[in-house]
Amino acid sequence: MPTALNVNDILLQVKRLNTEDQLTLLERLVMQIKKAKSKKKSTSLSSISGVGSSVWSGTNIDNYIDGERQW
């Protein structure tokens, strides 16, 4: 895509299209964006192992659980 082409130039061209073609263009853009979004790499649960462990450092987990069970 040439660097001289910007959003305003594209919008001017879109305005020249009839309504049906504008809707078709919109649908295609939505599909393209959804497709690009779905390609994002997901995070596996094993990769976040240990996150937040600093919150629990110094806490006796057994005592904490016993305390939670009593109310």
PDB file of N, CA and C in Angstrom:
ATOM      1  N   MET A   1       0.851  -1.180   0.000  1.00  0.00           N
ATOM      2  CA  MET A   1       0.000   0.000   0.000  1.00  0.00           C
ATOM      3  C   MET A   1       0.892   1.237   0.000  1.00  0.00           C
ATOM      4  N   PRO A   2       0.687   2.137  -0.912  1.00  0.00           N
ATOM      5  CA  PRO A   2       1.500   3.347  -0.953  1.00  0.00           C
ATOM      6  C   PRO A   2       1.327   4.167   0.322  1.00  0.00           C
ATOM      7  N   THR A   3       2.406   4.790   0.761  1.00  0.00           N
ATOM      8  CA  THR A   3       2.328   5.575   1.988  1.00  0.00           C
ATOM      9  C   THR A   3       1.466   6.811   1.818  1.00  0.00           C
ATOM     10  N   ALA A   4       1.281   7.286   0.589  1.00  0.00           N
ATOM     11  CA  ALA A   4       0.469   8.465   0.349  1.00  0.00           C
ATOM     12  C   ALA A   4      -1.021   8.185   0.561  1.00  0.00           C
ATOM     13  N   LEU A   5      -1.411   6.914   0.522  1.00  0.00           N
ATOM     14  CA  LEU A   5      -2.809   6.545   0.720  1.00  0.00           C
ATOM     15  C   LEU A   5      -3.103   6.520   2.214  1.00  0.00           C
ATOM     16  N   ASN A   6      -4.076   7.321   2.631  1.00  0.00           N
ATOM     17  CA  ASN A   6      -4.421   7.341   4.048  1.00  0.00           C
ATOM     18  C   ASN A   6      -5.917   7.134   4.225  1.00  0.00           C
ATOM     19  N   VAL A   7      -6.356   7.150   5.449  1.00  0.00           N
ATOM     20  CA  VAL A   7      -7.752   6.878   5.766  1.00  0.00           C
ATOM     21  C   VAL A   7      -8.682   7.874   5.074  1.00  0.00           C
ATOM     22  N   ASN A   8      -8.307   9.129   5.046  1.00  0.00           N
ATOM     23  CA  ASN A   8      -9.167  10.135   4.405  1.00  0.00           C
ATOM     24  C   ASN A   8      -9.325   9.864   2.911  1.00  0.00           C
ATOM     25  N   ASP A   9      -8.241   9.462   2.262  1.00  0.00           N
ATOM     26  CA  ASP A   9      -8.324   9.121   0.837  1.00  0.00           C
ATOM     27  C   ASP A   9      -9.253   7.934   0.622  1.00  0.00           C
ATOM     28  N   ILE A  10      -9.132   6.956   1.477  1.00  0.00           N
ATOM     29  CA  ILE A  10      -9.976   5.764   1.362  1.00  0.00           C
ATOM     30  C   ILE A  10     -11.435   6.133   1.586  1.00  0.00           C
ATOM     31  N   LEU A  11     -11.700   6.960   2.587  1.00  0.00           N
ATOM     32  CA  LEU A  11     -13.080   7.368   2.861  1.00  0.00           C
ATOM     33  C   LEU A  11     -13.692   8.136   1.690  1.00  0.00           C
ATOM     34  N   LEU A  12     -12.909   8.936   1.042  1.00  0.00           N
ATOM     35  CA  LEU A  12     -13.415   9.644  -0.135  1.00  0.00           C
ATOM     36  C   LEU A  12     -13.816   8.658  -1.231  1.00  0.00           C
ATOM     37  N   GLN A  13     -13.031   7.611  -1.401  1.00  0.00           N
ATOM     38  CA  GLN A  13     -13.365   6.597  -2.395  1.00  0.00           C
ATOM     39  C   GLN A  13     -14.592   5.799  -1.977  1.00  0.00           C
ATOM     40  N   VAL A  14     -14.714   5.512  -0.694  1.00  0.00           N
ATOM     41  CA  VAL A  14     -15.865   4.753  -0.199  1.00  0.00           C
ATOM     42  C   VAL A  14     -17.154   5.540  -0.411  1.00  0.00           C
ATOM     43  N   LYS A  15     -17.092   6.839  -0.226  1.00  0.00           N
ATOM     44  CA  LYS A  15     -18.280   7.683  -0.417  1.00  0.00           C
ATOM     45  C   LYS A  15     -18.794   7.619  -1.851  1.00  0.00           C
ATOM     46  N   ARG A  16     -17.909   7.297  -2.767  1.00  0.00           N
ATOM     47  CA  ARG A  16     -18.303   7.212  -4.180  1.00  0.00           C
ATOM     48  C   ARG A  16     -19.034   5.907  -4.499  1.00  0.00           C
ATOM     49  N   LEU A  17     -18.933   4.929  -3.603  1.00  0.00           N
ATOM     50  CA  LEU A  17     -19.600   3.647  -3.819  1.00  0.00           C
ATOM     51  C   LEU A  17     -21.087   3.768  -3.508  1.00  0.00           C
ATOM     52  N   ASN A  18     -21.878   2.886  -4.123  1.00  0.00           N
ATOM     53  CA  ASN A  18     -23.300   2.872  -3.769  1.00  0.00           C
ATOM     54  C   ASN A  18     -23.449   2.184  -2.407  1.00  0.00           C
ATOM     55  N   THR A  19     -24.627   2.287  -1.841  1.00  0.00           N
ATOM     56  CA  THR A  19     -24.865   1.775  -0.490  1.00  0.00           C
ATOM     57  C   THR A  19     -24.586   0.281  -0.376  1.00  0.00           C
ATOM     58  N   GLU A  20     -25.000  -0.483  -1.352  1.00  0.00           N
ATOM     59  CA  GLU A  20     -24.787  -1.930  -1.317  1.00  0.00           C
ATOM     60  C   GLU A  20     -23.297  -2.259  -1.295  1.00  0.00           C
ATOM     61  N   ASP A  21     -22.523  -1.577  -2.121  1.00  0.00           N
ATOM     62  CA  ASP A  21     -21.074  -1.819  -2.144  1.00  0.00           C
ATOM     63  C   ASP A  21     -20.406  -1.369  -0.838  1.00  0.00           C
ATOM     64  N   GLN A  22     -20.908  -0.296  -0.259  1.00  0.00           N
ATOM     65  CA  GLN A  22     -20.379   0.152   1.029  1.00  0.00           C
ATOM     66  C   GLN A  22     -20.631  -0.895   2.108  1.00  0.00           C
ATOM     67  N   LEU A  23     -21.828  -1.478   2.102  1.00  0.00           N
ATOM     68  CA  LEU A  23     -22.143  -2.519   3.079  1.00  0.00           C
ATOM     69  C   LEU A  23     -21.285  -3.763   2.858  1.00  0.00           C
ATOM     70  N   THR A  24     -21.069  -4.119   1.602  1.00  0.00           N
ATOM     71  CA  THR A  24     -20.206  -5.259   1.287  1.00  0.00           C
ATOM     72  C   THR A  24     -18.794  -5.008   1.786  1.00  0.00           C
ATOM     73  N   LEU A  25     -18.308  -3.815   1.563  1.00  0.00           N
ATOM     74  CA  LEU A  25     -16.981  -3.440   2.038  1.00  0.00           C
ATOM     75  C   LEU A  25     -16.902  -3.522   3.563  1.00  0.00           C
ATOM     76  N   LEU A  26     -17.929  -3.035   4.215  1.00  0.00           N
ATOM     77  CA  LEU A  26     -17.965  -3.077   5.678  1.00  0.00           C
ATOM     78  C   LEU A  26     -17.945  -4.513   6.189  1.00  0.00           C
ATOM     79  N   GLU A  27     -18.734  -5.378   5.585  1.00  0.00           N
ATOM     80  CA  GLU A  27     -18.761  -6.785   5.983  1.00  0.00           C
ATOM     81  C   GLU A  27     -17.396  -7.436   5.798  1.00  0.00           C
ATOM     82  N   ARG A  28     -16.756  -7.134   4.687  1.00  0.00           N
ATOM     83  CA  ARG A  28     -15.431  -7.716   4.431  1.00  0.00           C
ATOM     84  C   ARG A  28     -14.391  -7.206   5.424  1.00  0.00           C
ATOM     85  N   LEU A  29     -14.484  -5.923   5.773  1.00  0.00           N
ATOM     86  CA  LEU A  29     -13.559  -5.374   6.765  1.00  0.00           C
ATOM     87  C   LEU A  29     -13.754  -6.034   8.124  1.00  0.00           C
ATOM     88  N   VAL A  30     -15.011  -6.229   8.505  1.00  0.00           N
ATOM     89  CA  VAL A  30     -15.296  -6.876   9.778  1.00  0.00           C
ATOM     90  C   VAL A  30     -14.745  -8.294   9.782  1.00  0.00           C
ATOM     91  N   MET A  31     -14.967  -9.032   8.701  1.00  0.00           N
ATOM     92  CA  MET A  31     -14.452 -10.400   8.618  1.00  0.00           C
ATOM     93  C   MET A  31     -12.928 -10.416   8.690  1.00  0.00           C
ATOM     94  N   GLN A  32     -12.288  -9.476   8.014  1.00  0.00           N
ATOM     95  CA  GLN A  32     -10.830  -9.407   8.008  1.00  0.00           C
ATOM     96  C   GLN A  32     -10.294  -9.106   9.401  1.00  0.00           C
ATOM     97  N   ILE A  33     -10.939  -8.191  10.109  1.00  0.00           N
ATOM     98  CA  ILE A  33     -10.492  -7.832  11.451  1.00  0.00           C
ATOM     99  C   ILE A  33     -10.705  -8.994  12.413  1.00  0.00           C
ATOM    100  N   LYS A  34     -11.853  -9.670  12.313  1.00  0.00           N
ATOM    101  CA  LYS A  34     -12.119 -10.820  13.170  1.00  0.00           C
ATOM    102  C   LYS A  34     -11.109 -11.929  12.920  1.00  0.00           C
ATOM    103  N   LYS A  35     -10.782 -12.146  11.659  1.00  0.00           N
ATOM    104  CA  LYS A  35      -9.821 -13.192  11.301  1.00  0.00           C
ATOM    105  C   LYS A  35      -8.448 -12.857  11.878  1.00  0.00           C
ATOM    106  N   ALA A  36      -8.040 -11.610  11.748  1.00  0.00           N
ATOM    107  CA  ALA A  36      -6.741 -11.189  12.282  1.00  0.00           C
ATOM    108  C   ALA A  36      -6.724 -11.285  13.799  1.00  0.00           C
ATOM    109  N   LYS A  37      -7.846 -10.965  14.432  1.00  0.00           N
ATOM    110  CA  LYS A  37      -7.936 -11.020  15.890  1.00  0.00           C
ATOM    111  C   LYS A  37      -7.873 -12.457  16.381  1.00  0.00           C
ATOM    112  N   SER A  38      -8.489 -13.376  15.649  1.00  0.00           N
ATOM    113  CA  SER A  38      -8.516 -14.770  16.079  1.00  0.00           C
ATOM    114  C   SER A  38      -7.153 -15.445  15.920  1.00  0.00           C
ATOM    115  N   LYS A  39      -6.260 -14.857  15.140  1.00  0.00           N
ATOM    116  CA  LYS A  39      -4.935 -15.424  14.943  1.00  0.00           C
ATOM    117  C   LYS A  39      -3.992 -15.111  16.092  1.00  0.00           C
ATOM    118  N   LYS A  40      -4.424 -14.255  17.022  1.00  0.00           N
ATOM    119  CA  LYS A  40      -3.561 -13.916  18.141  1.00  0.00           C
ATOM    120  C   LYS A  40      -3.269 -15.165  18.950  1.00  0.00           C
ATOM    121  N   LYS A  41      -2.046 -15.260  19.403  1.00  0.00           N
ATOM    122  CA  LYS A  41      -1.618 -16.423  20.165  1.00  0.00           C
ATOM    123  C   LYS A  41      -2.270 -16.390  21.548  1.00  0.00           C
ATOM    124  N   SER A  42      -2.841 -17.505  21.923  1.00  0.00           N
ATOM    125  CA  SER A  42      -3.462 -17.584  23.235  1.00  0.00           C
ATOM    126  C   SER A  42      -2.417 -18.006  24.274  1.00  0.00           C
ATOM    127  N   THR A  43      -2.693 -17.693  25.508  1.00  0.00           N
ATOM    128  CA  THR A  43      -1.791 -18.021  26.593  1.00  0.00           C
ATOM    129  C   THR A  43      -2.224 -19.336  27.218  1.00  0.00           C
ATOM    130  N   SER A  44      -1.290 -20.245  27.376  1.00  0.00           N
ATOM    131  CA  SER A  44      -1.623 -21.511  28.016  1.00  0.00           C
ATOM    132  C   SER A  44      -1.543 -21.342  29.530  1.00  0.00           C
ATOM    133  N   LEU A  45      -2.322 -22.132  30.240  1.00  0.00           N
ATOM    134  CA  LEU A  45      -2.325 -22.032  31.692  1.00  0.00           C
ATOM    135  C   LEU A  45      -0.963 -22.363  32.294  1.00  0.00           C
ATOM    136  N   SER A  46      -0.247 -23.283  31.689  1.00  0.00           N
ATOM    137  CA  SER A  46       1.058 -23.649  32.232  1.00  0.00           C
ATOM    138  C   SER A  46       2.062 -22.496  32.139  1.00  0.00           C
ATOM    139  N   SER A  47       1.856 -21.581  31.207  1.00  0.00           N
ATOM    140  CA  SER A  47       2.793 -20.463  31.062  1.00  0.00           C
ATOM    141  C   SER A  47       2.625 -19.410  32.151  1.00  0.00           C
ATOM    142  N   ILE A  48       1.498 -19.441  32.856  1.00  0.00           N
ATOM    143  CA  ILE A  48       1.293 -18.456  33.919  1.00  0.00           C
ATOM    144  C   ILE A  48       1.473 -19.072  35.305  1.00  0.00           C
ATOM    145  N   SER A  49       2.056 -20.240  35.331  1.00  0.00           N
ATOM    146  CA  SER A  49       2.318 -20.909  36.607  1.00  0.00           C
ATOM    147  C   SER A  49       3.207 -20.029  37.478  1.00  0.00           C
ATOM    148  N   GLY A  50       2.803 -19.853  38.725  1.00  0.00           N
ATOM    149  CA  GLY A  50       3.599 -19.068  39.666  1.00  0.00           C
ATOM    150  C   GLY A  50       3.244 -17.598  39.697  1.00  0.00           C
ATOM    151  N   VAL A  51       2.395 -17.131  38.788  1.00  0.00           N
ATOM    152  CA  VAL A  51       2.003 -15.732  38.795  1.00  0.00           C
ATOM    153  C   VAL A  51       1.200 -15.466  40.067  1.00  0.00           C
ATOM    154  N   GLY A  52       1.551 -14.455  40.787  1.00  0.00           N
ATOM    155  CA  GLY A  52       0.867 -14.126  42.032  1.00  0.00           C
ATOM    156  C   GLY A  52       1.414 -14.860  43.242  1.00  0.00           C
ATOM    157  N   SER A  53       2.443 -15.655  43.053  1.00  0.00           N
ATOM    158  CA  SER A  53       2.998 -16.403  44.185  1.00  0.00           C
ATOM    159  C   SER A  53       3.552 -15.469  45.253  1.00  0.00           C
ATOM    160  N   SER A  54       3.976 -14.277  44.856  1.00  0.00           N
ATOM    161  CA  SER A  54       4.515 -13.332  45.835  1.00  0.00           C
ATOM    162  C   SER A  54       3.434 -12.883  46.819  1.00  0.00           C
ATOM    163  N   VAL A  55       2.173 -12.910  46.394  1.00  0.00           N
ATOM    164  CA  VAL A  55       1.067 -12.528  47.270  1.00  0.00           C
ATOM    165  C   VAL A  55       0.965 -13.505  48.433  1.00  0.00           C
ATOM    166  N   TRP A  56       1.235 -14.770  48.167  1.00  0.00           N
ATOM    167  CA  TRP A  56       1.090 -15.816  49.176  1.00  0.00           C
ATOM    168  C   TRP A  56       2.377 -16.102  49.942  1.00  0.00           C
ATOM    169  N   SER A  57       3.480 -15.469  49.567  1.00  0.00           N
ATOM    170  CA  SER A  57       4.732 -15.743  50.288  1.00  0.00           C
ATOM    171  C   SER A  57       4.584 -15.280  51.733  1.00  0.00           C
ATOM    172  N   GLY A  58       5.017 -16.104  52.653  1.00  0.00           N
ATOM    173  CA  GLY A  58       4.912 -15.779  54.073  1.00  0.00           C
ATOM    174  C   GLY A  58       3.567 -16.135  54.677  1.00  0.00           C
ATOM    175  N   THR A  59       2.664 -16.691  53.904  1.00  0.00           N
ATOM    176  CA  THR A  59       1.346 -17.086  54.401  1.00  0.00           C
ATOM    177  C   THR A  59       1.307 -18.598  54.540  1.00  0.00           C
ATOM    178  N   ASN A  60       0.865 -19.064  55.694  1.00  0.00           N
ATOM    179  CA  ASN A  60       0.683 -20.489  55.891  1.00  0.00           C
ATOM    180  C   ASN A  60      -0.655 -20.864  55.255  1.00  0.00           C
ATOM    181  N   ILE A  61      -0.602 -21.557  54.162  1.00  0.00           N
ATOM    182  CA  ILE A  61      -1.806 -21.874  53.382  1.00  0.00           C
ATOM    183  C   ILE A  61      -2.796 -22.709  54.182  1.00  0.00           C
ATOM    184  N   ASP A  62      -2.301 -23.668  54.950  1.00  0.00           N
ATOM    185  CA  ASP A  62      -3.202 -24.511  55.749  1.00  0.00           C
ATOM    186  C   ASP A  62      -3.982 -23.676  56.761  1.00  0.00           C
ATOM    187  N   ASN A  63      -3.282 -22.756  57.436  1.00  0.00           N
ATOM    188  CA  ASN A  63      -3.962 -21.881  58.394  1.00  0.00           C
ATOM    189  C   ASN A  63      -4.971 -20.979  57.695  1.00  0.00           C
ATOM    190  N   TYR A  64      -4.608 -20.484  56.537  1.00  0.00           N
ATOM    191  CA  TYR A  64      -5.512 -19.618  55.776  1.00  0.00           C
ATOM    192  C   TYR A  64      -6.789 -20.368  55.401  1.00  0.00           C
ATOM    193  N   ILE A  65      -6.637 -21.573  54.885  1.00  0.00           N
ATOM    194  CA  ILE A  65      -7.799 -22.375  54.483  1.00  0.00           C
ATOM    195  C   ILE A  65      -8.664 -22.718  55.686  1.00  0.00           C
ATOM    196  N   ASP A  66      -8.040 -23.097  56.805  1.00  0.00           N
ATOM    197  CA  ASP A  66      -8.805 -23.386  58.013  1.00  0.00           C
ATOM    198  C   ASP A  66      -9.611 -22.159  58.460  1.00  0.00           C
ATOM    199  N   GLY A  67      -8.998 -21.008  58.372  1.00  0.00           N
ATOM    200  CA  GLY A  67      -9.693 -19.772  58.749  1.00  0.00           C
ATOM    201  C   GLY A  67     -10.870 -19.466  57.837  1.00  0.00           C
ATOM    202  N   GLU A  68     -10.716 -19.736  56.541  1.00  0.00           N
ATOM    203  CA  GLU A  68     -11.804 -19.496  55.589  1.00  0.00           C
ATOM    204  C   GLU A  68     -12.954 -20.451  55.800  1.00  0.00           C
ATOM    205  N   ARG A  69     -12.664 -21.665  56.218  1.00  0.00           N
ATOM    206  CA  ARG A  69     -13.707 -22.664  56.418  1.00  0.00           C
ATOM    207  C   ARG A  69     -14.549 -22.388  57.657  1.00  0.00           C
ATOM    208  N   GLN A  70     -14.049 -21.570  58.569  1.00  0.00           N
ATOM    209  CA  GLN A  70     -14.739 -21.366  59.828  1.00  0.00           C
ATOM    210  C   GLN A  70     -15.822 -20.308  59.769  1.00  0.00           C
ATOM    211  N   TRP A  71     -15.934 -19.537  58.805  1.00  0.00           N
ATOM    212  CA  TRP A  71     -17.004 -18.552  58.779  1.00  0.00           C
ATOM    213  C   TRP A  71     -18.079 -19.035  57.910  1.00  0.00           C
TER     214      TRP A  71
END
